[in-house]
Amino acid sequence: MLARYFLLIVGMGLSMGTGCDSRKGAEYRKLESFMEQRIDLSRLYAPEDLAKSTVRMPGPKIVHYLDSSGCVGCKLQSLRMWNVVRGRMRVPVVLVVHVPDMQAIHAQMKMIHFTLPVLYDTLGSFAATYHIDREAYHTFLLNGRNQPRAVGNPIGSDKIWRLYESAIRSDE
């Protein structure tokens, strides 16, 4: 009887390690797949000329995706930091928005003086098409061919700042 419990405990321990490794492997494969695709921003609704010209602009750009999950007001307040990112990185920053009420979001962005280009995902297909369902994938750097070169939000992370800066330098 004691031997059975011992084997059960050892088996559980081994499966827990394997489960964790398989999750890491699956996440790595997902990241690898994401980095290999080409992101098409031209299908998104761009109500302003600034957004349209930024999409067509050659060279790297940072894309930040905002959806209606969680606290949208909190997400909007954090957008102010993107002006700092644009200044420090010296590359365009594009906001891709998917929310049910575009007019309300547009009005709120005006209230916080958000001046960066905004693209609207009116069909709600951007996250599904590019598999960015997790928030970790909501911010990424595109190279001049619109392929992701770095993933993660550089705001508040020196490590990701350095990753973005390095990727931008290597793409020039």
Foldseek 3Di string as FASTA:
>chain_A
DVVVVVVVVVVVVVVVVVVVVVVVVVVVVLVVVLQPDFAQQVVFAFPDPQQVVLNVDFFKEKEAEEEDPDDNVVVLVVLVCVVVVCVVLVHAYEYEYEYPDPVVVVVSNVVVPRDGGYTYPDVPCRCVVSVVPDNQQRMFMAGRRRGTQATGDCVPPPVSVVSSNVSRVVRD
